[in-house]
Amino acid sequence: LTEEDYRTLQTVGEFDLKSSSWVKTPDKIRKLGGAIFCDR
């Protein structure tokens, strides 16, 4: 999921209240060694 997809998913329910999920990371961030994840 992209960050936008993840936010869309959260409109139909409440997900990842105890866990977290990697999301597609923009190339700029990944080239610097990072990655992004989301939770609620």
PDB file of all heavy atoms in Angstrom:
ATOM      1  N   LEU A   1       0.846  -1.184   0.000  1.00  0.00           N
ATOM      2  CA  LEU A   1       0.000   0.000   0.000  1.00  0.00           C
ATOM      3  C   LEU A   1       0.886   1.239   0.000  1.00  0.00           C
ATOM      4  O   LEU A   1       1.956   1.244   0.611  1.00  0.00           O
ATOM      5  CB  LEU A   1      -0.883   0.033   1.245  1.00  0.00           C
ATOM      6  CG  LEU A   1      -1.879  -1.101   1.453  1.00  0.00           C
ATOM      7  CD1 LEU A   1      -2.717  -0.818   2.708  1.00  0.00           C
ATOM      8  CD2 LEU A   1      -2.761  -1.316   0.255  1.00  0.00           C
ATOM      9  N   THR A   2       0.427   2.279  -0.645  1.00  0.00           N
ATOM     10  CA  THR A   2       1.076   3.576  -0.506  1.00  0.00           C
ATOM     11  C   THR A   2       0.524   4.220   0.762  1.00  0.00           C
ATOM     12  O   THR A   2      -0.454   3.734   1.343  1.00  0.00           O
ATOM     13  CB  THR A   2       0.759   4.482  -1.707  1.00  0.00           C
ATOM     14  OG1 THR A   2      -0.660   4.728  -1.720  1.00  0.00           O
ATOM     15  CG2 THR A   2       1.207   3.859  -3.026  1.00  0.00           C
ATOM     16  N   GLU A   3       1.117   5.320   1.168  1.00  0.00           N
ATOM     17  CA  GLU A   3       0.571   6.025   2.330  1.00  0.00           C
ATOM     18  C   GLU A   3      -0.872   6.447   2.051  1.00  0.00           C
ATOM     19  O   GLU A   3      -1.741   6.331   2.923  1.00  0.00           O
ATOM     20  CB  GLU A   3       1.425   7.248   2.664  1.00  0.00           C
ATOM     21  CG  GLU A   3       0.940   7.995   3.881  1.00  0.00           C
ATOM     22  CD  GLU A   3       1.765   9.220   4.216  1.00  0.00           C
ATOM     23  OE1 GLU A   3       2.798   9.482   3.561  1.00  0.00           O
ATOM     24  OE2 GLU A   3       1.367   9.938   5.164  1.00  0.00           O
ATOM     25  N   GLU A   4      -1.154   6.898   0.842  1.00  0.00           N
ATOM     26  CA  GLU A   4      -2.524   7.290   0.471  1.00  0.00           C
ATOM     27  C   GLU A   4      -3.475   6.093   0.548  1.00  0.00           C
ATOM     28  O   GLU A   4      -4.584   6.202   1.073  1.00  0.00           O
ATOM     29  CB  GLU A   4      -2.538   7.886  -0.934  1.00  0.00           C
ATOM     30  CG  GLU A   4      -3.907   8.347  -1.379  1.00  0.00           C
ATOM     31  CD  GLU A   4      -3.905   8.924  -2.790  1.00  0.00           C
ATOM     32  OE1 GLU A   4      -2.820   9.217  -3.340  1.00  0.00           O
ATOM     33  OE2 GLU A   4      -5.002   9.072  -3.350  1.00  0.00           O
ATOM     34  N   ASP A   5      -3.038   4.930   0.031  1.00  0.00           N
ATOM     35  CA  ASP A   5      -3.862   3.715   0.127  1.00  0.00           C
ATOM     36  C   ASP A   5      -4.150   3.383   1.586  1.00  0.00           C
ATOM     37  O   ASP A   5      -5.263   3.008   1.949  1.00  0.00           O
ATOM     38  CB  ASP A   5      -3.141   2.505  -0.484  1.00  0.00           C
ATOM     39  CG  ASP A   5      -2.922   2.573  -1.972  1.00  0.00           C
ATOM     40  OD1 ASP A   5      -3.714   3.211  -2.688  1.00  0.00           O
ATOM     41  OD2 ASP A   5      -1.919   1.970  -2.428  1.00  0.00           O
ATOM     42  N   TYR A   6      -3.122   3.483   2.415  1.00  0.00           N
ATOM     43  CA  TYR A   6      -3.256   3.147   3.822  1.00  0.00           C
ATOM     44  C   TYR A   6      -4.304   4.053   4.483  1.00  0.00           C
ATOM     45  O   TYR A   6      -5.140   3.593   5.250  1.00  0.00           O
ATOM     46  CB  TYR A   6      -1.909   3.277   4.531  1.00  0.00           C
ATOM     47  CG  TYR A   6      -1.902   2.716   5.926  1.00  0.00           C
ATOM     48  CD1 TYR A   6      -1.601   1.383   6.163  1.00  0.00           C
ATOM     49  CD2 TYR A   6      -2.197   3.521   7.024  1.00  0.00           C
ATOM     50  CE1 TYR A   6      -1.597   0.862   7.450  1.00  0.00           C
ATOM     51  CE2 TYR A   6      -2.194   3.016   8.307  1.00  0.00           C
ATOM     52  CZ  TYR A   6      -1.898   1.686   8.516  1.00  0.00           C
ATOM     53  OH  TYR A   6      -1.902   1.178   9.792  1.00  0.00           O
ATOM     54  N   ARG A   7      -4.255   5.309   4.168  1.00  0.00           N
ATOM     55  CA  ARG A   7      -5.236   6.238   4.732  1.00  0.00           C
ATOM     56  C   ARG A   7      -6.641   5.943   4.213  1.00  0.00           C
ATOM     57  O   ARG A   7      -7.622   6.047   4.951  1.00  0.00           O
ATOM     58  CB  ARG A   7      -4.821   7.683   4.472  1.00  0.00           C
ATOM     59  CG  ARG A   7      -3.583   8.065   5.284  1.00  0.00           C
ATOM     60  CD  ARG A   7      -3.135   9.504   5.062  1.00  0.00           C
ATOM     61  NE  ARG A   7      -1.931   9.783   5.827  1.00  0.00           N
ATOM     62  CZ  ARG A   7      -1.914  10.031   7.140  1.00  0.00           C
ATOM     63  NH1 ARG A   7      -3.030  10.050   7.824  1.00  0.00           N
ATOM     64  NH2 ARG A   7      -0.767  10.267   7.747  1.00  0.00           N
ATOM     65  N   THR A   8      -6.750   5.530   2.957  1.00  0.00           N
ATOM     66  CA  THR A   8      -8.045   5.127   2.403  1.00  0.00           C
ATOM     67  C   THR A   8      -8.571   3.911   3.147  1.00  0.00           C
ATOM     68  O   THR A   8      -9.757   3.849   3.512  1.00  0.00           O
ATOM     69  CB  THR A   8      -7.927   4.828   0.895  1.00  0.00           C
ATOM     70  OG1 THR A   8      -7.550   6.030   0.215  1.00  0.00           O
ATOM     71  CG2 THR A   8      -9.234   4.311   0.320  1.00  0.00           C
ATOM     72  N   LEU A   9      -7.710   2.928   3.370  1.00  0.00           N
ATOM     73  CA  LEU A   9      -8.104   1.729   4.110  1.00  0.00           C
ATOM     74  C   LEU A   9      -8.670   2.102   5.477  1.00  0.00           C
ATOM     75  O   LEU A   9      -9.682   1.552   5.912  1.00  0.00           O
ATOM     76  CB  LEU A   9      -6.900   0.794   4.274  1.00  0.00           C
ATOM     77  CG  LEU A   9      -7.124  -0.453   5.118  1.00  0.00           C
ATOM     78  CD1 LEU A   9      -8.106  -1.394   4.445  1.00  0.00           C
ATOM     79  CD2 LEU A   9      -5.801  -1.140   5.398  1.00  0.00           C
ATOM     80  N   GLN A  10      -8.048   3.055   6.134  1.00  0.00           N
ATOM     81  CA  GLN A  10      -8.476   3.449   7.476  1.00  0.00           C
ATOM     82  C   GLN A  10      -9.851   4.121   7.486  1.00  0.00           C
ATOM     83  O   GLN A  10     -10.443   4.281   8.553  1.00  0.00           O
ATOM     84  CB  GLN A  10      -7.429   4.356   8.120  1.00  0.00           C
ATOM     85  CG  GLN A  10      -6.107   3.660   8.408  1.00  0.00           C
ATOM     86  CD  GLN A  10      -6.161   2.724   9.595  1.00  0.00           C
ATOM     87  OE1 GLN A  10      -7.104   2.716  10.374  1.00  0.00           O
ATOM     88  NE2 GLN A  10      -5.125   1.924   9.751  1.00  0.00           N
ATOM     89  N   THR A  11     -10.375   4.489   6.324  1.00  0.00           N
ATOM     90  CA  THR A  11     -11.725   5.079   6.276  1.00  0.00           C
ATOM     91  C   THR A  11     -12.813   4.012   6.347  1.00  0.00           C
ATOM     92  O   THR A  11     -13.972   4.345   6.564  1.00  0.00           O
ATOM     93  CB  THR A  11     -11.942   5.936   5.008  1.00  0.00           C
ATOM     94  OG1 THR A  11     -11.928   5.097   3.854  1.00  0.00           O
ATOM     95  CG2 THR A  11     -10.903   7.037   4.896  1.00  0.00           C
ATOM     96  N   VAL A  12     -12.467   2.738   6.148  1.00  0.00           N
ATOM     97  CA  VAL A  12     -13.471   1.671   6.184  1.00  0.00           C
ATOM     98  C   VAL A  12     -13.387   0.841   7.463  1.00  0.00           C
ATOM     99  O   VAL A  12     -14.146  -0.105   7.638  1.00  0.00           O
ATOM    100  CB  VAL A  12     -13.389   0.750   4.934  1.00  0.00           C
ATOM    101  CG1 VAL A  12     -13.624   1.548   3.671  1.00  0.00           C
ATOM    102  CG2 VAL A  12     -12.085  -0.009   4.874  1.00  0.00           C
ATOM    103  N   GLY A  13     -12.477   1.175   8.342  1.00  0.00           N
ATOM    104  CA  GLY A  13     -12.318   0.463   9.600  1.00  0.00           C
ATOM    105  C   GLY A  13     -11.139   1.011  10.369  1.00  0.00           C
ATOM    106  O   GLY A  13     -10.516   1.988   9.949  1.00  0.00           O
ATOM    107  N   GLU A  14     -10.846   0.378  11.489  1.00  0.00           N
ATOM    108  CA  GLU A  14      -9.683   0.764  12.290  1.00  0.00           C
ATOM    109  C   GLU A  14      -8.699  -0.390  12.260  1.00  0.00           C
ATOM    110  O   GLU A  14      -8.997  -1.481  12.758  1.00  0.00           O
ATOM    111  CB  GLU A  14     -10.110   1.093  13.719  1.00  0.00           C
ATOM    112  CG  GLU A  14     -10.979   2.324  13.798  1.00  0.00           C
ATOM    113  CD  GLU A  14     -11.328   2.709  15.218  1.00  0.00           C
ATOM    114  OE1 GLU A  14     -11.003   1.951  16.165  1.00  0.00           O
ATOM    115  OE2 GLU A  14     -11.929   3.774  15.386  1.00  0.00           O
ATOM    116  N   PHE A  15      -7.544  -0.150  11.673  1.00  0.00           N
ATOM    117  CA  PHE A  15      -6.554  -1.189  11.449  1.00  0.00           C
ATOM    118  C   PHE A  15      -5.225  -0.809  12.105  1.00  0.00           C
ATOM    119  O   PHE A  15      -4.912   0.366  12.234  1.00  0.00           O
ATOM    120  CB  PHE A  15      -6.341  -1.403   9.945  1.00  0.00           C
ATOM    121  CG  PHE A  15      -7.620  -1.748   9.221  1.00  0.00           C
ATOM    122  CD1 PHE A  15      -8.355  -0.764   8.585  1.00  0.00           C
ATOM    123  CD2 PHE A  15      -8.090  -3.053   9.208  1.00  0.00           C
ATOM    124  CE1 PHE A  15      -9.542  -1.075   7.925  1.00  0.00           C
ATOM    125  CE2 PHE A  15      -9.269  -3.373   8.553  1.00  0.00           C
ATOM    126  CZ  PHE A  15      -9.993  -2.382   7.912  1.00  0.00           C
ATOM    127  N   ASP A  16      -4.446  -1.823  12.456  1.00  0.00           N
ATOM    128  CA  ASP A  16      -3.116  -1.627  13.051  1.00  0.00           C
ATOM    129  C   ASP A  16      -3.166  -0.818  14.347  1.00  0.00           C
ATOM    130  O   ASP A  16      -2.402   0.118  14.551  1.00  0.00           O
ATOM    131  CB  ASP A  16      -2.144  -0.964  12.064  1.00  0.00           C
ATOM    132  CG  ASP A  16      -1.694  -1.904  10.956  1.00  0.00           C
ATOM    133  OD1 ASP A  16      -1.713  -3.129  11.180  1.00  0.00           O
ATOM    134  OD2 ASP A  16      -1.310  -1.413   9.891  1.00  0.00           O
ATOM    135  N   LEU A  17      -4.044  -1.221  15.243  1.00  0.00           N
ATOM    136  CA  LEU A  17      -4.104  -0.570  16.555  1.00  0.00           C
ATOM    137  C   LEU A  17      -2.982  -1.047  17.469  1.00  0.00           C
ATOM    138  O   LEU A  17      -2.648  -0.379  18.446  1.00  0.00           O
ATOM    139  CB  LEU A  17      -5.461  -0.819  17.218  1.00  0.00           C
ATOM    140  CG  LEU A  17      -6.679  -0.290  16.445  1.00  0.00           C
ATOM    141  CD1 LEU A  17      -7.966  -0.653  17.166  1.00  0.00           C
ATOM    142  CD2 LEU A  17      -6.580   1.207  16.221  1.00  0.00           C
ATOM    143  N   LYS A  18      -2.398  -2.227  17.170  1.00  0.00           N
ATOM    144  CA  LYS A  18      -1.291  -2.773  17.967  1.00  0.00           C
ATOM    145  C   LYS A  18      -0.075  -3.093  17.120  1.00  0.00           C
ATOM    146  O   LYS A  18       0.983  -3.387  17.654  1.00  0.00           O
ATOM    147  CB  LYS A  18      -1.738  -4.051  18.672  1.00  0.00           C
ATOM    148  CG  LYS A  18      -2.844  -3.853  19.672  1.00  0.00           C
ATOM    149  CD  LYS A  18      -3.194  -5.171  20.321  1.00  0.00           C
ATOM    150  CE  LYS A  18      -4.689  -5.335  20.331  1.00  0.00           C
ATOM    151  NZ  LYS A  18      -5.135  -6.657  20.693  1.00  0.00           N
ATOM    152  N   SER A  19      -0.209  -3.074  15.831  1.00  0.00           N
ATOM    153  CA  SER A  19       0.893  -3.399  14.926  1.00  0.00           C
ATOM    154  C   SER A  19       1.155  -2.202  14.022  1.00  0.00           C
ATOM    155  O   SER A  19       0.527  -1.162  14.161  1.00  0.00           O
ATOM    156  CB  SER A  19       0.546  -4.641  14.091  1.00  0.00           C
ATOM    157  OG  SER A  19      -0.616  -4.404  13.323  1.00  0.00           O
ATOM    158  N   SER A  20       2.082  -2.362  13.095  1.00  0.00           N
ATOM    159  CA  SER A  20       2.341  -1.320  12.099  1.00  0.00           C
ATOM    160  C   SER A  20       2.636  -2.001  10.771  1.00  0.00           C
ATOM    161  O   SER A  20       2.923  -3.203  10.731  1.00  0.00           O
ATOM    162  CB  SER A  20       3.510  -0.419  12.521  1.00  0.00           C
ATOM    163  OG  SER A  20       4.698  -1.168  12.656  1.00  0.00           O
ATOM    164  N   SER A  21       2.561  -1.243   9.686  1.00  0.00           N
ATOM    165  CA  SER A  21       2.742  -1.802   8.350  1.00  0.00           C
ATOM    166  C   SER A  21       3.655  -0.922   7.509  1.00  0.00           C
ATOM    167  O   SER A  21       3.438   0.288   7.410  1.00  0.00           O
ATOM    168  CB  SER A  21       1.386  -1.929   7.642  1.00  0.00           C
ATOM    169  OG  SER A  21       0.529  -2.828   8.319  1.00  0.00           O
ATOM    170  N   TRP A  22       4.684  -1.573   6.902  1.00  0.00           N
ATOM    171  CA  TRP A  22       5.497  -0.855   5.915  1.00  0.00           C
ATOM    172  C   TRP A  22       4.579  -0.386   4.802  1.00  0.00           C
ATOM    173  O   TRP A  22       3.621  -1.087   4.444  1.00  0.00           O
ATOM    174  CB  TRP A  22       6.524  -1.797   5.280  1.00  0.00           C
ATOM    175  CG  TRP A  22       7.671  -2.250   6.108  1.00  0.00           C
ATOM    176  CD1 TRP A  22       7.947  -3.538   6.481  1.00  0.00           C
ATOM    177  CD2 TRP A  22       8.748  -1.459   6.621  1.00  0.00           C
ATOM    178  NE1 TRP A  22       9.112  -3.587   7.196  1.00  0.00           N
ATOM    179  CE2 TRP A  22       9.625  -2.328   7.295  1.00  0.00           C
ATOM    180  CE3 TRP A  22       9.042  -0.096   6.575  1.00  0.00           C
ATOM    181  CZ2 TRP A  22      10.784  -1.877   7.924  1.00  0.00           C
ATOM    182  CZ3 TRP A  22      10.205   0.348   7.203  1.00  0.00           C
ATOM    183  CH2 TRP A  22      11.053  -0.528   7.865  1.00  0.00           C
ATOM    184  N   VAL A  23       4.843   0.788   4.249  1.00  0.00           N
ATOM    185  CA  VAL A  23       4.138   1.264   3.060  1.00  0.00           C
ATOM    186  C   VAL A  23       5.171   1.636   2.002  1.00  0.00           C
ATOM    187  O   VAL A  23       6.355   1.823   2.309  1.00  0.00           O
ATOM    188  CB  VAL A  23       3.198   2.460   3.359  1.00  0.00           C
ATOM    189  CG1 VAL A  23       2.056   2.033   4.285  1.00  0.00           C
ATOM    190  CG2 VAL A  23       3.949   3.641   3.937  1.00  0.00           C
ATOM    191  N   LYS A  24       4.728   1.708   0.765  1.00  0.00           N
ATOM    192  CA  LYS A  24       5.625   2.036  -0.347  1.00  0.00           C
ATOM    193  C   LYS A  24       6.328   3.346  -0.033  1.00  0.00           C
ATOM    194  O   LYS A  24       5.698   4.363   0.227  1.00  0.00           O
ATOM    195  CB  LYS A  24       4.822   2.140  -1.642  1.00  0.00           C
ATOM    196  CG  LYS A  24       5.628   2.475  -2.860  1.00  0.00           C
ATOM    197  CD  LYS A  24       6.333   1.259  -3.387  1.00  0.00           C
ATOM    198  CE  LYS A  24       6.977   1.570  -4.723  1.00  0.00           C
ATOM    199  NZ  LYS A  24       8.403   1.686  -4.671  1.00  0.00           N
ATOM    200  N   THR A  25       7.635   3.295  -0.050  1.00  0.00           N
ATOM    201  CA  THR A  25       8.453   4.443   0.341  1.00  0.00           C
ATOM    202  C   THR A  25       8.895   5.232  -0.881  1.00  0.00           C
ATOM    203  O   THR A  25       9.369   4.641  -1.855  1.00  0.00           O
ATOM    204  CB  THR A  25       9.686   3.952   1.123  1.00  0.00           C
ATOM    205  OG1 THR A  25       9.224   3.282   2.313  1.00  0.00           O
ATOM    206  CG2 THR A  25      10.606   5.083   1.501  1.00  0.00           C
ATOM    207  N   PRO A  26       8.752   6.552  -0.866  1.00  0.00           N
ATOM    208  CA  PRO A  26       9.239   7.366  -1.984  1.00  0.00           C
ATOM    209  C   PRO A  26      10.731   7.137  -2.216  1.00  0.00           C
ATOM    210  O   PRO A  26      11.510   6.968  -1.261  1.00  0.00           O
ATOM    211  CB  PRO A  26       8.961   8.808  -1.533  1.00  0.00           C
ATOM    212  CG  PRO A  26       7.839   8.680  -0.547  1.00  0.00           C
ATOM    213  CD  PRO A  26       8.080   7.372   0.161  1.00  0.00           C
ATOM    214  N   ASP A  27      11.142   7.132  -3.476  1.00  0.00           N
ATOM    215  CA  ASP A  27      12.547   6.877  -3.839  1.00  0.00           C
ATOM    216  C   ASP A  27      13.518   7.795  -3.112  1.00  0.00           C
ATOM    217  O   ASP A  27      14.593   7.366  -2.700  1.00  0.00           O
ATOM    218  CB  ASP A  27      12.740   7.024  -5.354  1.00  0.00           C
ATOM    219  CG  ASP A  27      12.080   5.899  -6.134  1.00  0.00           C
ATOM    220  OD1 ASP A  27      11.792   4.828  -5.550  1.00  0.00           O
ATOM    221  OD2 ASP A  27      11.846   6.091  -7.343  1.00  0.00           O
ATOM    222  N   LYS A  28      13.143   9.052  -2.938  1.00  0.00           N
ATOM    223  CA  LYS A  28      14.038  10.008  -2.278  1.00  0.00           C
ATOM    224  C   LYS A  28      14.393   9.541  -0.865  1.00  0.00           C
ATOM    225  O   LYS A  28      15.552   9.600  -0.453  1.00  0.00           O
ATOM    226  CB  LYS A  28      13.388  11.387  -2.250  1.00  0.00           C
ATOM    227  CG  LYS A  28      14.233  12.445  -1.579  1.00  0.00           C
ATOM    228  CD  LYS A  28      13.539  13.798  -1.584  1.00  0.00           C
ATOM    229  CE  LYS A  28      14.396  14.828  -0.861  1.00  0.00           C
ATOM    230  NZ  LYS A  28      13.761  16.129  -0.810  1.00  0.00           N
ATOM    231  N   ILE A  29      13.408   9.061  -0.127  1.00  0.00           N
ATOM    232  CA  ILE A  29      13.640   8.584   1.237  1.00  0.00           C
ATOM    233  C   ILE A  29      14.434   7.283   1.211  1.00  0.00           C
ATOM    234  O   ILE A  29      15.382   7.101   1.967  1.00  0.00           O
ATOM    235  CB  ILE A  29      12.305   8.387   1.982  1.00  0.00           C
ATOM    236  CG1 ILE A  29      11.615   9.744   2.174  1.00  0.00           C
ATOM    237  CG2 ILE A  29      12.511   7.684   3.328  1.00  0.00           C
ATOM    238  CD1 ILE A  29      10.200   9.652   2.697  1.00  0.00           C
ATOM    239  N   ARG A  30      14.053   6.386   0.293  1.00  0.00           N
ATOM    240  CA  ARG A  30      14.738   5.085   0.234  1.00  0.00           C
ATOM    241  C   ARG A  30      16.209   5.242  -0.139  1.00  0.00           C
ATOM    242  O   ARG A  30      17.060   4.541   0.400  1.00  0.00           O
ATOM    243  CB  ARG A  30      14.008   4.164  -0.770  1.00  0.00           C
ATOM    244  CG  ARG A  30      14.569   2.763  -0.807  1.00  0.00           C
ATOM    245  CD  ARG A  30      14.437   2.090   0.555  1.00  0.00           C
ATOM    246  NE  ARG A  30      15.311   0.932   0.656  1.00  0.00           N
ATOM    247  CZ  ARG A  30      16.507   0.926   1.217  1.00  0.00           C
ATOM    248  NH1 ARG A  30      17.031   2.015   1.760  1.00  0.00           N
ATOM    249  NH2 ARG A  30      17.213  -0.180   1.264  1.00  0.00           N
ATOM    250  N   LYS A  31      16.522   6.164  -1.037  1.00  0.00           N
ATOM    251  CA  LYS A  31      17.919   6.381  -1.442  1.00  0.00           C
ATOM    252  C   LYS A  31      18.779   6.863  -0.284  1.00  0.00           C
ATOM    253  O   LYS A  31      19.987   6.672  -0.283  1.00  0.00           O
ATOM    254  CB  LYS A  31      17.992   7.375  -2.599  1.00  0.00           C
ATOM    255  CG  LYS A  31      17.559   6.767  -3.911  1.00  0.00           C
ATOM    256  CD  LYS A  31      17.570   7.780  -5.034  1.00  0.00           C
ATOM    257  CE  LYS A  31      17.046   7.134  -6.301  1.00  0.00           C
ATOM    258  NZ  LYS A  31      16.892   8.075  -7.393  1.00  0.00           N
ATOM    259  N   LEU A  32      18.150   7.449   0.719  1.00  0.00           N
ATOM    260  CA  LEU A  32      18.874   7.923   1.901  1.00  0.00           C
ATOM    261  C   LEU A  32      18.933   6.858   2.999  1.00  0.00           C
ATOM    262  O   LEU A  32      19.418   7.120   4.095  1.00  0.00           O
ATOM    263  CB  LEU A  32      18.231   9.204   2.431  1.00  0.00           C
ATOM    264  CG  LEU A  32      18.323  10.408   1.484  1.00  0.00           C
ATOM    265  CD1 LEU A  32      17.469  11.565   1.999  1.00  0.00           C
ATOM    266  CD2 LEU A  32      19.776  10.848   1.331  1.00  0.00           C
ATOM    267  N   GLY A  33      18.415   5.662   2.701  1.00  0.00           N
ATOM    268  CA  GLY A  33      18.486   4.547   3.650  1.00  0.00           C
ATOM    269  C   GLY A  33      17.243   4.326   4.487  1.00  0.00           C
ATOM    270  O   GLY A  33      17.198   3.399   5.292  1.00  0.00           O
ATOM    271  N   GLY A  34      16.234   5.167   4.305  1.00  0.00           N
ATOM    272  CA  GLY A  34      15.042   5.050   5.130  1.00  0.00           C
ATOM    273  C   GLY A  34      13.893   4.338   4.441  1.00  0.00           C
ATOM    274  O   GLY A  34      13.945   4.017   3.259  1.00  0.00           O
ATOM    275  N   ALA A  35      12.867   4.103   5.212  1.00  0.00           N
ATOM    276  CA  ALA A  35      11.608   3.549   4.717  1.00  0.00           C
ATOM    277  C   ALA A  35      10.516   4.052   5.655  1.00  0.00           C
ATOM    278  O   ALA A  35      10.794   4.441   6.789  1.00  0.00           O
ATOM    279  CB  ALA A  35      11.651   2.033   4.684  1.00  0.00           C
ATOM    280  N   ILE A  36       9.282   4.051   5.174  1.00  0.00           N
ATOM    281  CA  ILE A  36       8.183   4.557   6.003  1.00  0.00           C
ATOM    282  C   ILE A  36       7.182   3.453   6.312  1.00  0.00           C
ATOM    283  O   ILE A  36       7.051   2.482   5.579  1.00  0.00           O
ATOM    284  CB  ILE A  36       7.486   5.781   5.377  1.00  0.00           C
ATOM    285  CG1 ILE A  36       6.894   5.475   4.013  1.00  0.00           C
ATOM    286  CG2 ILE A  36       8.462   6.957   5.289  1.00  0.00           C
ATOM    287  CD1 ILE A  36       6.071   6.607   3.424  1.00  0.00           C
ATOM    288  N   PHE A  37       6.511   3.637   7.432  1.00  0.00           N
ATOM    289  CA  PHE A  37       5.466   2.705   7.857  1.00  0.00           C
ATOM    290  C   PHE A  37       4.366   3.509   8.532  1.00  0.00           C
ATOM    291  O   PHE A  37       4.546   4.676   8.893  1.00  0.00           O
ATOM    292  CB  PHE A  37       6.024   1.619   8.781  1.00  0.00           C
ATOM    293  CG  PHE A  37       6.578   2.123  10.082  1.00  0.00           C
ATOM    294  CD1 PHE A  37       5.803   2.133  11.230  1.00  0.00           C
ATOM    295  CD2 PHE A  37       7.890   2.580  10.168  1.00  0.00           C
ATOM    296  CE1 PHE A  37       6.320   2.581  12.442  1.00  0.00           C
ATOM    297  CE2 PHE A  37       8.420   3.025  11.368  1.00  0.00           C
ATOM    298  CZ  PHE A  37       7.628   3.025  12.504  1.00  0.00           C
ATOM    299  N   CYS A  38       3.215   2.875   8.672  1.00  0.00           N
ATOM    300  CA  CYS A  38       2.052   3.552   9.255  1.00  0.00           C
ATOM    301  C   CYS A  38       1.403   2.669  10.318  1.00  0.00           C
ATOM    302  O   CYS A  38       1.576   1.457  10.330  1.00  0.00           O
ATOM    303  CB  CYS A  38       1.007   3.839   8.176  1.00  0.00           C
ATOM    304  SG  CYS A  38       1.527   4.962   6.873  1.00  0.00           S
ATOM    305  N   ASP A  39       0.639   3.310  11.176  1.00  0.00           N
ATOM    306  CA  ASP A  39      -0.222   2.620  12.121  1.00  0.00           C
ATOM    307  C   ASP A  39      -1.327   3.574  12.550  1.00  0.00           C
ATOM    308  O   ASP A  39      -1.384   4.716  12.086  1.00  0.00           O
ATOM    309  CB  ASP A  39       0.553   2.060  13.319  1.00  0.00           C
ATOM    310  CG  ASP A  39       1.192   3.116  14.213  1.00  0.00           C
ATOM    311  OD1 ASP A  39       0.759   4.286  14.200  1.00  0.00           O
ATOM    312  OD2 ASP A  39       2.135   2.766  14.943  1.00  0.00           O
ATOM    313  N   ARG A  40      -2.198   3.074  13.411  1.00  0.00           N
ATOM    314  CA  ARG A  40      -3.285   3.905  13.931  1.00  0.00           C
ATOM    315  C   ARG A  40      -3.225   3.875  15.453  1.00  0.00           C
ATOM    316  O   ARG A  40      -3.304   2.818  16.059  1.00  0.00           O
ATOM    317  CB  ARG A  40      -4.638   3.385  13.446  1.00  0.00           C
ATOM    318  CG  ARG A  40      -5.798   4.249  13.899  1.00  0.00           C
ATOM    319  CD  ARG A  40      -7.126   3.656  13.444  1.00  0.00           C
ATOM    320  NE  ARG A  40      -8.172   4.605  13.627  1.00  0.00           N
ATOM    321  CZ  ARG A  40      -8.890   5.148  12.655  1.00  0.00           C
ATOM    322  NH1 ARG A  40      -8.680   4.806  11.410  1.00  0.00           N
ATOM    323  NH2 ARG A  40      -9.830   6.014  12.923  1.00  0.00           N
TER     324      ARG A  40
END
